[in-house]
C-alpha atoms as a PDB file:
ATOM      1  CA  MET A   1     -20.432  59.935   7.430  1.00  0.00           C
ATOM      2  CA  THR A   2     -20.256  57.067   9.964  1.00  0.00           C
ATOM      3  CA  ASP A   3     -20.745  53.506   8.777  1.00  0.00           C
ATOM      4  CA  LEU A   4     -23.478  52.073  10.912  1.00  0.00           C
ATOM      5  CA  PHE A   5     -23.149  48.767   9.295  1.00  0.00           C
ATOM      6  CA  LEU A   6     -19.610  48.116  10.457  1.00  0.00           C
ATOM      7  CA  GLY A   7     -20.729  49.264  14.012  1.00  0.00           C
ATOM      8  CA  LYS A   8     -23.561  46.645  13.943  1.00  0.00           C
ATOM      9  CA  MET A   9     -21.143  43.967  12.771  1.00  0.00           C
ATOM     10  CA  ILE A  10     -18.811  44.911  15.705  1.00  0.00           C
ATOM     11  CA  ASN A  11     -21.585  44.653  18.252  1.00  0.00           C
ATOM     12  CA  ASN A  12     -23.058  41.430  16.980  1.00  0.00           C
ATOM     13  CA  LYS A  13     -20.025  39.198  16.709  1.00  0.00           C
ATOM     14  CA  PRO A  14     -21.819  35.902  17.655  1.00  0.00           C
ATOM     15  CA  LEU A  15     -24.571  36.661  15.205  1.00  0.00           C
ATOM     16  CA  LEU A  16     -22.039  37.297  12.596  1.00  0.00           C
ATOM     17  CA  LEU A  17     -20.069  34.087  13.344  1.00  0.00           C
ATOM     18  CA  LEU A  18     -23.482  32.291  13.099  1.00  0.00           C
ATOM     19  CA  ARG A  19     -24.137  33.720   9.597  1.00  0.00           C
ATOM     20  CA  ILE A  20     -20.519  32.757   8.514  1.00  0.00           C
ATOM     21  CA  LEU A  21     -21.386  29.306   9.916  1.00  0.00           C
ATOM     22  CA  CYS A  22     -24.747  29.027   7.864  1.00  0.00           C
ATOM     23  CA  GLU A  23     -23.170  30.109   4.632  1.00  0.00           C
ATOM     24  CA  SER A  24     -20.244  27.663   5.189  1.00  0.00           C
ATOM     25  CA  ILE A  25     -22.874  24.965   5.675  1.00  0.00           C
ATOM     26  CA  ALA A  26     -24.681  26.149   2.551  1.00  0.00           C
ATOM     27  CA  LEU A  27     -21.287  25.937   0.602  1.00  0.00           C
ATOM     28  CA  LEU A  28     -20.727  22.354   1.799  1.00  0.00           C
ATOM     29  CA  VAL A  29     -24.197  21.276   0.989  1.00  0.00           C
ATOM     30  CA  ILE A  30     -23.944  22.683  -2.620  1.00  0.00           C
ATOM     31  CA  CYS A  31     -20.661  20.859  -3.105  1.00  0.00           C
ATOM     32  CA  HIS A  32     -21.853  17.669  -1.696  1.00  0.00           C
ATOM     33  CA  VAL A  33     -25.124  17.654  -3.521  1.00  0.00           C
ATOM     34  CA  PHE A  34     -24.457  19.144  -6.808  1.00  0.00           C
ATOM     35  CA  ILE A  35     -20.465  19.417  -7.502  1.00  0.00           C
ATOM     36  CA  ARG A  36     -19.354  15.999  -6.043  1.00  0.00           C
ATOM     37  CA  PRO A  37     -21.854  13.726  -7.979  1.00  0.00           C
ATOM     38  CA  PHE A  38     -20.990  15.616 -11.144  1.00  0.00           C
ATOM     39  CA  LEU A  39     -17.232  15.165 -10.614  1.00  0.00           C
ATOM     40  CA  ARG A  40     -17.679  11.450  -9.798  1.00  0.00           C
ATOM     41  CA  LEU A  41     -19.748  10.805 -12.910  1.00  0.00           C
ATOM     42  CA  GLY A  42     -18.101  13.208 -15.215  1.00  0.00           C
ATOM     43  CA  ILE A  43     -14.408  12.871 -14.528  1.00  0.00           C
ATOM     44  CA  LEU A  44     -13.640  10.086 -12.068  1.00  0.00           C
ATOM     45  CA  ARG A  45     -15.651   7.692 -14.321  1.00  0.00           C
ATOM     46  CA  TRP A  46     -14.601   8.828 -17.721  1.00  0.00           C
ATOM     47  CA  GLY A  47     -11.173   9.986 -17.051  1.00  0.00           C
ATOM     48  CA  LEU A  48      -9.523  13.565 -16.916  1.00  0.00           C
ATOM     49  CA  SER A  49      -9.343  15.264 -20.255  1.00  0.00           C
ATOM     50  CA  ILE A  50      -9.535  18.835 -21.821  1.00  0.00           C
ATOM     51  CA  SER A  51     -13.391  18.357 -22.376  1.00  0.00           C
ATOM     52  CA  SER A  52     -14.181  16.966 -18.956  1.00  0.00           C
ATOM     53  CA  ILE A  53     -12.350  20.023 -17.378  1.00  0.00           C
ATOM     54  CA  ALA A  54     -14.108  22.327 -19.541  1.00  0.00           C
ATOM     55  CA  ALA A  55     -17.507  20.834 -18.569  1.00  0.00           C
ATOM     56  CA  VAL A  56     -16.374  21.443 -14.948  1.00  0.00           C
ATOM     57  CA  PHE A  57     -15.881  25.046 -15.631  1.00  0.00           C
ATOM     58  CA  ILE A  58     -19.146  25.654 -17.477  1.00  0.00           C
ATOM     59  CA  TYR A  59     -21.155  23.437 -14.999  1.00  0.00           C
ATOM     60  CA  THR A  60     -19.788  25.438 -12.144  1.00  0.00           C
ATOM     61  CA  ILE A  61     -21.331  28.678 -13.346  1.00  0.00           C
ATOM     62  CA  PRO A  62     -24.963  28.116 -12.540  1.00  0.00           C
ATOM     63  CA  ILE A  63     -24.107  26.421  -9.254  1.00  0.00           C
ATOM     64  CA  ALA A  64     -22.068  29.615  -8.358  1.00  0.00           C
ATOM     65  CA  ILE A  65     -25.187  31.645  -9.001  1.00  0.00           C
ATOM     66  CA  VAL A  66     -27.373  29.372  -6.974  1.00  0.00           C
ATOM     67  CA  LEU A  67     -24.990  29.643  -4.089  1.00  0.00           C
ATOM     68  CA  THR A  68     -24.814  33.272  -4.275  1.00  0.00           C
ATOM     69  CA  LEU A  69     -28.755  33.478  -4.228  1.00  0.00           C
ATOM     70  CA  LEU A  70     -28.922  31.062  -1.173  1.00  0.00           C
ATOM     71  CA  MET A  71     -26.432  33.274   0.624  1.00  0.00           C
ATOM     72  CA  PHE A  72     -28.532  36.349  -0.153  1.00  0.00           C
ATOM     73  CA  ALA A  73     -31.563  34.593   1.098  1.00  0.00           C
ATOM     74  CA  ILE A  74     -29.748  33.770   4.509  1.00  0.00           C
ATOM     75  CA  GLY A  75     -29.105  37.378   4.928  1.00  0.00           C
ATOM     76  CA  GLN A  76     -32.694  38.353   4.332  1.00  0.00           C
ATOM     77  CA  THR A  77     -33.912  36.358   7.168  1.00  0.00           C
ATOM     78  CA  VAL A  78     -35.153  37.904  10.366  1.00  0.00           C
ATOM     79  CA  VAL A  79     -32.159  36.789  12.511  1.00  0.00           C
ATOM     80  CA  PHE A  80     -29.474  38.483  10.174  1.00  0.00           C
ATOM     81  CA  SER A  81     -31.655  41.327   9.055  1.00  0.00           C
ATOM     82  CA  GLU A  82     -29.812  43.813  11.425  1.00  0.00           C
ATOM     83  CA  PHE A  83     -26.671  43.820   9.158  1.00  0.00           C
ATOM     84  CA  ASP A  84     -27.658  42.404   5.852  1.00  0.00           C
ATOM     85  CA  ILE A  85     -24.715  42.876   3.542  1.00  0.00           C
ATOM     86  CA  ALA A  86     -27.171  43.526   0.513  1.00  0.00           C
ATOM     87  CA  SER A  87     -28.179  46.842   2.343  1.00  0.00           C
ATOM     88  CA  ILE A  88     -25.637  49.081   4.038  1.00  0.00           C
ATOM     89  CA  GLN A  89     -26.750  51.924   6.146  1.00  0.00           C
ATOM     90  CA  PHE A  90     -25.055  55.286   6.595  1.00  0.00           C
ATOM     91  CA  GLN A  91     -25.704  58.140   9.223  1.00  0.00           C
ATOM     92  CA  SER A  92     -24.901  61.532   8.396  1.00  0.00           C
ATOM     93  CA  ASN A  93     -23.438  64.358  10.772  1.00  0.00           C
ATOM     94  CA  SER A  94     -27.000  65.562  11.231  1.00  0.00           C
ATOM     95  CA  GLY A  95     -28.274  62.105  12.226  1.00  0.00           C
ATOM     96  CA  GLU A  96     -30.094  61.305   9.033  1.00  0.00           C
ATOM     97  CA  VAL A  97     -29.779  57.560   8.210  1.00  0.00           C
ATOM     98  CA  SER A  98     -29.777  56.393   4.616  1.00  0.00           C
ATOM     99  CA  SER A  99     -29.532  52.862   2.963  1.00  0.00           C
ATOM    100  CA  ARG A 100     -27.751  52.016   0.050  1.00  0.00           C
ATOM    101  CA  HIS A 101     -28.309  48.412  -1.610  1.00  0.00           C
ATOM    102  CA  MET A 102     -25.801  46.444  -3.554  1.00  0.00           C
ATOM    103  CA  SER A 103     -25.667  46.872  -7.113  1.00  0.00           C
ATOM    104  CA  THR A 104     -25.838  44.146  -9.930  1.00  0.00           C
ATOM    105  CA  ALA A 105     -22.113  44.512 -10.313  1.00  0.00           C
ATOM    106  CA  ALA A 106     -21.681  43.713  -6.570  1.00  0.00           C
ATOM    107  CA  TYR A 107     -23.667  40.585  -6.889  1.00  0.00           C
ATOM    108  CA  MET A 108     -21.475  39.559  -9.893  1.00  0.00           C
ATOM    109  CA  ILE A 109     -18.414  39.951  -7.709  1.00  0.00           C
ATOM    110  CA  VAL A 110     -19.860  37.863  -5.107  1.00  0.00           C
ATOM    111  CA  ALA A 111     -20.853  35.187  -7.546  1.00  0.00           C
ATOM    112  CA  GLY A 112     -17.441  35.403  -9.216  1.00  0.00           C
ATOM    113  CA  GLN A 113     -15.787  34.816  -5.783  1.00  0.00           C
ATOM    114  CA  ASN A 114     -18.117  31.735  -5.118  1.00  0.00           C
ATOM    115  CA  TYR A 115     -17.412  30.476  -8.554  1.00  0.00           C
ATOM    116  CA  ILE A 116     -13.606  30.450  -7.772  1.00  0.00           C
ATOM    117  CA  ILE A 117     -14.332  28.863  -4.389  1.00  0.00           C
ATOM    118  CA  LEU A 118     -16.227  26.109  -5.991  1.00  0.00           C
ATOM    119  CA  LEU A 119     -13.515  25.518  -8.479  1.00  0.00           C
ATOM    120  CA  PHE A 120     -10.916  25.270  -5.885  1.00  0.00           C
ATOM    121  CA  TRP A 121     -13.164  22.869  -3.856  1.00  0.00           C
ATOM    122  CA  SER A 122     -13.366  20.699  -7.010  1.00  0.00           C
ATOM    123  CA  ALA A 123      -9.624  20.722  -7.456  1.00  0.00           C
ATOM    124  CA  LEU A 124      -9.085  19.803  -3.989  1.00  0.00           C
ATOM    125  CA  TYR A 125     -11.607  16.867  -4.239  1.00  0.00           C
ATOM    126  CA  LEU A 126     -10.360  15.554  -7.436  1.00  0.00           C
ATOM    127  CA  SER A 127      -6.618  15.758  -6.081  1.00  0.00           C
ATOM    128  CA  TRP A 128      -7.699  13.815  -2.826  1.00  0.00           C
ATOM    129  CA  HIS A 129      -9.659  11.108  -4.863  1.00  0.00           C
ATOM    130  CA  PHE A 130      -6.640  10.595  -7.377  1.00  0.00           C
ATOM    131  CA  TYR A 131      -4.284  10.557  -4.693  1.00  0.00           C
ATOM    132  CA  ARG A 132      -6.173   7.927  -2.699  1.00  0.00           C
ATOM    133  CA  LYS A 133      -6.912   5.926  -5.850  1.00  0.00           C
ATOM    134  CA  ARG A 134      -2.977   5.940  -6.510  1.00  0.00           C
ATOM    135  CA  ASN A 135      -2.404   4.772  -3.080  1.00  0.00           C
ATOM    136  CA  GLU A 136      -5.010   1.863  -3.483  1.00  0.00           C
ATOM    137  CA  LEU A 137      -3.633   1.017  -6.821  1.00  0.00           C
ATOM    138  CA  THR A 138       0.039   0.925  -5.367  1.00  0.00           C
ATOM    139  CA  ARG A 139      -1.140  -1.416  -2.580  1.00  0.00           C
ATOM    140  CA  GLU A 140      -2.922  -3.651  -4.944  1.00  0.00           C
ATOM    141  CA  LEU A 141       0.190  -3.659  -7.085  1.00  0.00           C
ATOM    142  CA  GLU A 142       2.290  -4.534  -4.334  1.00  0.00           C
ATOM    143  CA  VAL A 143      -0.008  -7.361  -3.048  1.00  0.00           C
ATOM    144  CA  THR A 144      -0.080  -8.928  -6.728  1.00  0.00           C
ATOM    145  CA  ARG A 145       3.695  -8.674  -6.996  1.00  0.00           C
ATOM    146  CA  LEU A 146       4.122 -10.234  -3.586  1.00  0.00           C
ATOM    147  CA  LYS A 147       1.761 -13.101  -4.539  1.00  0.00           C
ATOM    148  CA  GLN A 148       3.558 -13.500  -7.794  1.00  0.00           C
ATOM    149  CA  LEU A 149       6.890 -13.671  -6.063  1.00  0.00           C
ATOM    150  CA  ALA A 150       5.817 -16.091  -3.360  1.00  0.00           C
ATOM    151  CA  ASN A 151       4.152 -18.358  -5.974  1.00  0.00           C
ATOM    152  CA  GLN A 152       7.541 -19.820  -6.829  1.00  0.00           C
ATOM    153  CA  ILE A 153       8.176 -23.474  -6.134  1.00  0.00           C
ATOM    154  CA  ASN A 154      10.898 -24.941  -8.197  1.00  0.00           C
ATOM    155  CA  PRO A 155       9.493 -27.142 -11.042  1.00  0.00           C
ATOM    156  CA  HIS A 156      12.985 -28.939 -11.039  1.00  0.00           C
ATOM    157  CA  PHE A 157      12.432 -29.820  -7.499  1.00  0.00           C
ATOM    158  CA  MET A 158       8.855 -31.169  -8.144  1.00  0.00           C
ATOM    159  CA  PHE A 159      10.242 -33.336 -11.018  1.00  0.00           C
ATOM    160  CA  ASN A 160      13.036 -34.809  -8.743  1.00  0.00           C
ATOM    161  CA  THR A 161      10.545 -35.474  -5.963  1.00  0.00           C
ATOM    162  CA  LEU A 162       7.973 -37.376  -8.122  1.00  0.00           C
ATOM    163  CA  ASN A 163      10.864 -39.432  -9.565  1.00  0.00           C
ATOM    164  CA  SER A 164      11.996 -40.267  -6.052  1.00  0.00           C
ATOM    165  CA  ILE A 165       8.455 -41.228  -4.999  1.00  0.00           C
ATOM    166  CA  ARG A 166       8.039 -43.310  -8.118  1.00  0.00           C
ATOM    167  CA  ALA A 167      11.182 -45.241  -7.113  1.00  0.00           C
ATOM    168  CA  LEU A 168      10.178 -45.636  -3.759  1.00  0.00           C
ATOM    169  CA  VAL A 169       6.825 -47.191  -4.700  1.00  0.00           C
ATOM    170  CA  TYR A 170       8.590 -50.345  -5.675  1.00  0.00           C
ATOM    171  CA  SER A 171      11.081 -50.563  -2.789  1.00  0.00           C
ATOM    172  CA  ASP A 172       9.578 -48.932   0.061  1.00  0.00           C
ATOM    173  CA  GLN A 173       5.821 -48.090  -0.034  1.00  0.00           C
ATOM    174  CA  ASN A 174       5.587 -46.944   3.532  1.00  0.00           C
ATOM    175  CA  LYS A 175       8.399 -44.377   2.847  1.00  0.00           C
ATOM    176  CA  ALA A 176       6.681 -43.388  -0.423  1.00  0.00           C
ATOM    177  CA  ALA A 177       3.388 -42.762   1.363  1.00  0.00           C
ATOM    178  CA  GLU A 178       5.412 -40.536   4.009  1.00  0.00           C
ATOM    179  CA  THR A 179       7.046 -38.752   1.196  1.00  0.00           C
ATOM    180  CA  ILE A 180       3.740 -37.934  -0.489  1.00  0.00           C
ATOM    181  CA  THR A 181       2.528 -36.699   2.853  1.00  0.00           C
ATOM    182  CA  GLN A 182       5.509 -34.410   3.120  1.00  0.00           C
ATOM    183  CA  LEU A 183       5.090 -33.171  -0.470  1.00  0.00           C
ATOM    184  CA  SER A 184       1.262 -32.543   0.154  1.00  0.00           C
ATOM    185  CA  GLU A 185       2.119 -30.520   3.401  1.00  0.00           C
ATOM    186  CA  LEU A 186       4.698 -28.524   1.366  1.00  0.00           C
ATOM    187  CA  LEU A 187       2.242 -27.668  -1.452  1.00  0.00           C
ATOM    188  CA  ARG A 188      -0.557 -26.710   1.260  1.00  0.00           C
ATOM    189  CA  VAL A 189       1.697 -24.369   2.954  1.00  0.00           C
ATOM    190  CA  HIS A 190       2.856 -22.959  -0.386  1.00  0.00           C
ATOM    191  CA  MET A 191      -0.809 -22.189  -1.349  1.00  0.00           C
ATOM    192  CA  HIS A 192      -1.444 -20.761   2.037  1.00  0.00           C
ATOM    193  CA  ALA A 193       1.543 -18.318   1.505  1.00  0.00           C
ATOM    194  CA  GLU A 194      -0.319 -16.716  -1.543  1.00  0.00           C
ATOM    195  CA  VAL A 195      -2.667 -15.360   1.117  1.00  0.00           C
ATOM    196  CA  GLU A 196      -0.306 -14.704   3.972  1.00  0.00           C
ATOM    197  CA  ALA A 197       2.746 -12.514   2.930  1.00  0.00           C
ATOM    198  CA  LEU A 198       4.396 -13.116   6.225  1.00  0.00           C
ATOM    199  CA  SER A 199       5.088 -16.262   8.165  1.00  0.00           C
ATOM    200  CA  SER A 200       6.934 -17.079  11.424  1.00  0.00           C
ATOM    201  CA  LEU A 201      10.615 -18.287  11.479  1.00  0.00           C
ATOM    202  CA  GLU A 202       9.283 -21.594  13.182  1.00  0.00           C
ATOM    203  CA  GLN A 203       6.773 -22.136  10.375  1.00  0.00           C
ATOM    204  CA  GLU A 204       9.528 -21.488   7.800  1.00  0.00           C
ATOM    205  CA  ARG A 205      11.819 -23.841   9.443  1.00  0.00           C
ATOM    206  CA  GLU A 206       9.188 -26.618   9.491  1.00  0.00           C
ATOM    207  CA  LEU A 207       8.383 -26.121   5.877  1.00  0.00           C
ATOM    208  CA  ALA A 208      12.134 -26.330   5.094  1.00  0.00           C
ATOM    209  CA  GLU A 209      12.570 -29.407   7.124  1.00  0.00           C
ATOM    210  CA  ASN A 210       9.789 -31.035   4.994  1.00  0.00           C
ATOM    211  CA  TYR A 211      11.446 -29.979   1.891  1.00  0.00           C
ATOM    212  CA  LEU A 212      15.110 -31.038   2.914  1.00  0.00           C
ATOM    213  CA  GLN A 213      13.580 -34.541   3.953  1.00  0.00           C
ATOM    214  CA  ILE A 214      12.283 -34.938   0.500  1.00  0.00           C
ATOM    215  CA  GLU A 215      15.623 -33.867  -0.953  1.00  0.00           C
ATOM    216  CA  HIS A 216      17.455 -36.340   1.404  1.00  0.00           C
ATOM    217  CA  LEU A 217      15.640 -39.226  -0.428  1.00  0.00           C
ATOM    218  CA  ARG A 218      17.524 -38.307  -3.519  1.00  0.00           C
ATOM    219  CA  LEU A 219      20.933 -37.170  -2.312  1.00  0.00           C
ATOM    220  CA  GLY A 220      21.224 -39.500   0.898  1.00  0.00           C
ATOM    221  CA  ASP A 221      24.278 -38.759   3.013  1.00  0.00           C
ATOM    222  CA  ARG A 222      25.728 -36.262   0.213  1.00  0.00           C
ATOM    223  CA  LEU A 223      23.321 -33.605   1.867  1.00  0.00           C
ATOM    224  CA  GLN A 224      24.655 -32.496   5.274  1.00  0.00           C
ATOM    225  CA  LEU A 225      22.624 -29.843   7.287  1.00  0.00           C
ATOM    226  CA  LYS A 226      23.354 -27.792  10.142  1.00  0.00           C
ATOM    227  CA  TRP A 227      20.667 -25.596  12.098  1.00  0.00           C
ATOM    228  CA  ASP A 228      21.633 -22.627  14.342  1.00  0.00           C
ATOM    229  CA  ILE A 229      18.638 -20.704  15.033  1.00  0.00           C
ATOM    230  CA  GLU A 230      18.069 -18.851  18.238  1.00  0.00           C
ATOM    231  CA  GLU A 231      15.027 -19.910  20.066  1.00  0.00           C
ATOM    232  CA  THR A 232      13.950 -16.396  21.062  1.00  0.00           C
ATOM    233  CA  LEU A 233      13.624 -15.682  17.112  1.00  0.00           C
ATOM    234  CA  LEU A 234      11.241 -18.419  16.183  1.00  0.00           C
ATOM    235  CA  GLN A 235       8.268 -16.175  16.493  1.00  0.00           C
ATOM    236  CA  GLU A 236       9.722 -13.380  14.259  1.00  0.00           C
ATOM    237  CA  THR A 237       8.211 -13.070  10.952  1.00  0.00           C
ATOM    238  CA  ILE A 238       9.856 -13.288   7.600  1.00  0.00           C
ATOM    239  CA  PRO A 239       8.458 -13.266   3.929  1.00  0.00           C
ATOM    240  CA  SER A 240       6.719 -16.589   3.181  1.00  0.00           C
ATOM    241  CA  LEU A 241       8.790 -19.169   1.417  1.00  0.00           C
ATOM    242  CA  ILE A 242      11.896 -17.142   1.484  1.00  0.00           C
ATOM    243  CA  MET A 243      13.793 -19.592   3.412  1.00  0.00           C
ATOM    244  CA  LEU A 244      12.568 -22.369   1.002  1.00  0.00           C
ATOM    245  CA  THR A 245      13.753 -20.405  -1.924  1.00  0.00           C
ATOM    246  CA  LEU A 246      17.276 -20.059  -0.567  1.00  0.00           C
ATOM    247  CA  LEU A 247      17.520 -23.768   0.277  1.00  0.00           C
ATOM    248  CA  GLU A 248      16.235 -24.865  -3.070  1.00  0.00           C
ATOM    249  CA  ASN A 249      19.091 -22.550  -4.528  1.00  0.00           C
ATOM    250  CA  SER A 250      21.573 -24.223  -2.317  1.00  0.00           C
ATOM    251  CA  VAL A 251      20.628 -27.687  -3.037  1.00  0.00           C
ATOM    252  CA  LYS A 252      20.277 -27.123  -6.702  1.00  0.00           C
ATOM    253  CA  TYR A 253      23.639 -25.105  -7.353  1.00  0.00           C
ATOM    254  CA  GLY A 254      25.760 -26.135  -4.294  1.00  0.00           C
ATOM    255  CA  VAL A 255      25.160 -29.745  -3.199  1.00  0.00           C
ATOM    256  CA  ALA A 256      23.471 -31.717  -6.060  1.00  0.00           C
ATOM    257  CA  PRO A 257      26.050 -31.148  -8.655  1.00  0.00           C
ATOM    258  CA  SER A 258      28.873 -32.105  -6.472  1.00  0.00           C
ATOM    259  CA  ARG A 259      30.118 -35.877  -6.459  1.00  0.00           C
ATOM    260  CA  LYS A 260      31.014 -35.787  -2.830  1.00  0.00           C
ATOM    261  CA  GLY A 261      27.899 -33.794  -1.914  1.00  0.00           C
ATOM    262  CA  GLY A 262      28.003 -30.761   0.208  1.00  0.00           C
ATOM    263  CA  TRP A 263      26.728 -28.976   3.308  1.00  0.00           C
ATOM    264  CA  ILE A 264      24.244 -26.322   4.164  1.00  0.00           C
ATOM    265  CA  THR A 265      24.262 -24.083   7.157  1.00  0.00           C
ATOM    266  CA  ILE A 266      20.888 -22.145   8.232  1.00  0.00           C
ATOM    267  CA  THR A 267      21.539 -19.497  10.895  1.00  0.00           C
ATOM    268  CA  ALA A 268      19.430 -16.976  12.509  1.00  0.00           C
ATOM    269  CA  ARG A 269      20.706 -14.663  15.200  1.00  0.00           C
ATOM    270  CA  GLU A 270      19.669 -11.201  16.884  1.00  0.00           C
ATOM    271  CA  LEU A 271      21.631  -8.320  15.785  1.00  0.00           C
ATOM    272  CA  ASP A 272      20.221  -5.584  18.049  1.00  0.00           C
ATOM    273  CA  SER A 273      16.971  -4.823  19.755  1.00  0.00           C
ATOM    274  CA  GLU A 274      15.111  -4.038  16.368  1.00  0.00           C
ATOM    275  CA  HIS A 275      16.816  -6.466  13.796  1.00  0.00           C
ATOM    276  CA  PHE A 276      17.823  -9.928  13.396  1.00  0.00           C
ATOM    277  CA  CYS A 277      19.662 -11.821  10.651  1.00  0.00           C
ATOM    278  CA  LEU A 278      18.948 -14.877   8.499  1.00  0.00           C
ATOM    279  CA  GLN A 279      21.825 -16.364   6.965  1.00  0.00           C
ATOM    280  CA  VAL A 280      22.184 -19.556   4.583  1.00  0.00           C
ATOM    281  CA  THR A 281      25.462 -20.809   3.448  1.00  0.00           C
ATOM    282  CA  ASN A 282      26.397 -23.701   1.315  1.00  0.00           C
ATOM    283  CA  SER A 283      29.442 -25.394  -0.100  1.00  0.00           C
ATOM    284  CA  LEU A 284      30.302 -25.037  -3.915  1.00  0.00           C
ATOM    285  CA  PRO A 285      30.765 -28.054  -6.167  1.00  0.00           C
ATOM    286  CA  GLU A 286      34.457 -29.265  -7.157  1.00  0.00           C
ATOM    287  CA  LYS A 287      33.586 -27.931 -10.707  1.00  0.00           C
ATOM    288  CA  LYS A 288      31.983 -24.548 -11.434  1.00  0.00           C
ATOM    289  CA  VAL A 289      28.442 -25.034 -12.693  1.00  0.00           C
ATOM    290  CA  GLU A 290      26.059 -22.670 -14.227  1.00  0.00           C
ATOM    291  CA  GLN A 291      24.355 -20.659 -11.517  1.00  0.00           C
ATOM    292  CA  GLY A 292      21.034 -19.920 -13.440  1.00  0.00           C
ATOM    293  CA  ASN A 293      19.475 -16.635 -14.143  1.00  0.00           C
ATOM    294  CA  GLY A 294      19.288 -15.429 -10.424  1.00  0.00           C
ATOM    295  CA  ILE A 295      15.392 -15.370 -10.623  1.00  0.00           C
ATOM    296  CA  GLY A 296      15.000 -16.805  -7.078  1.00  0.00           C
ATOM    297  CA  LEU A 297      17.525 -14.363  -5.424  1.00  0.00           C
ATOM    298  CA  GLY A 298      16.109 -11.446  -7.416  1.00  0.00           C
ATOM    299  CA  ASN A 299      12.692 -12.291  -6.212  1.00  0.00           C
ATOM    300  CA  ILE A 300      13.840 -12.248  -2.630  1.00  0.00           C
ATOM    301  CA  ARG A 301      15.456  -8.809  -3.051  1.00  0.00           C
ATOM    302  CA  LYS A 302      12.334  -7.377  -4.640  1.00  0.00           C
ATOM    303  CA  ARG A 303       9.961  -8.815  -1.934  1.00  0.00           C
ATOM    304  CA  LEU A 304      12.319  -7.145   0.715  1.00  0.00           C
ATOM    305  CA  GLU A 305      12.062  -3.912  -0.986  1.00  0.00           C
ATOM    306  CA  LEU A 306       8.407  -3.961  -1.229  1.00  0.00           C
ATOM    307  CA  MET A 307       7.652  -5.096   2.425  1.00  0.00           C
ATOM    308  CA  TYR A 308      10.364  -3.341   4.239  1.00  0.00           C
ATOM    309  CA  GLY A 309      11.915  -0.599   2.025  1.00  0.00           C
ATOM    310  CA  GLU A 310      15.272   0.449   3.506  1.00  0.00           C
ATOM    311  CA  ARG A 311      14.594  -1.413   6.761  1.00  0.00           C
ATOM    312  CA  ALA A 312      15.985  -4.693   5.281  1.00  0.00           C
ATOM    313  CA  THR A 313      19.188  -5.577   3.465  1.00  0.00           C
ATOM    314  CA  MET A 314      20.403  -8.705   1.347  1.00  0.00           C
ATOM    315  CA  ASN A 315      24.135  -9.342   0.773  1.00  0.00           C
ATOM    316  CA  VAL A 316      25.208 -12.187  -1.364  1.00  0.00           C
ATOM    317  CA  ARG A 317      28.769 -13.427  -1.408  1.00  0.00           C
ATOM    318  CA  SER A 318      30.485 -16.236  -3.346  1.00  0.00           C
ATOM    319  CA  ASP A 319      34.174 -17.187  -2.673  1.00  0.00           C
ATOM    320  CA  ASP A 320      34.976 -20.450  -1.111  1.00  0.00           C
ATOM    321  CA  ASN A 321      31.187 -20.840  -0.136  1.00  0.00           C
ATOM    322  CA  PHE A 322      28.004 -19.250  -1.319  1.00  0.00           C
ATOM    323  CA  ASP A 323      26.443 -17.011   1.448  1.00  0.00           C
ATOM    324  CA  VAL A 324      23.232 -15.172   1.494  1.00  0.00           C
ATOM    325  CA  LEU A 325      22.791 -12.865   4.551  1.00  0.00           C
ATOM    326  CA  LEU A 326      19.428 -11.110   5.137  1.00  0.00           C
ATOM    327  CA  GLU A 327      19.007  -8.335   7.874  1.00  0.00           C
ATOM    328  CA  LEU A 328      15.395  -8.136   8.813  1.00  0.00           C
ATOM    329  CA  PRO A 329      13.459  -5.826  11.056  1.00  0.00           C
ATOM    330  CA  LYS A 330      11.664  -7.388  14.159  1.00  0.00           C
ATOM    331  CA  LYS A 331       7.954  -7.363  14.266  1.00  0.00           C
END
């Protein structure tokens, strides 16, 4: 016998493609209207568990039956009646045409296939949602950690600054007022840095100069500075407050403990077309002093890892002088 149904399918490819499109749309509608809300309310809200997974398997059974009936209804329409898969026609050698309808077992097979498709779609949807949620949580965690790391102004520096201002109130009120203005600017920029993770090298230099002017009140000529920053790099961005942290470290552990004072050199130069370096070097006191627990430098290293990954490096060296070298990508 010759299968007339297959012949009709071959001769009506556009109509067959249209039917496939209609059934695909029906599948998407079923998934969007019935499956997606259930997954959002049942699993995404209450969490992934054995009971919630079992509920998905059970809930999908009637949905697969509905999808099968909907696909059958599409096949019964006038447009697709010529090659309805529920009724296959055969022609014998004598020319007699006979029809054979799908059995109940065949319907169950189609429903089973739809059931597997719906479960597969559910797994894909949940995987995509959890992947997106994980990325969102990772970004939120990185932002939170960056804010925490940036929110580090030395309490010891604040204590010394307020004592310096207190002494100036009696000896030079104008200088005390100027110092308070510098301190307020320093705090304003610091609070702004909680929102802005990056700032330009020029902004960081201005902030550092305000800080060093305040420290100069306490240390006087014991604090010697040298700036060597290439003008072409002033608009390049670095993590906010990173220069201030390095200078606080240099003053606290390098210059202040020394009876003769010390010096600090801040250098920024271009390495290549994609990278530049920021280097802070300071002298060391005559006697070895406790260098602290390394929280400041550790935070800088963590911030670089979070923001740049392997595109940035930090090298610390301590021999005759203390030197911190940062290699950063250009914006």
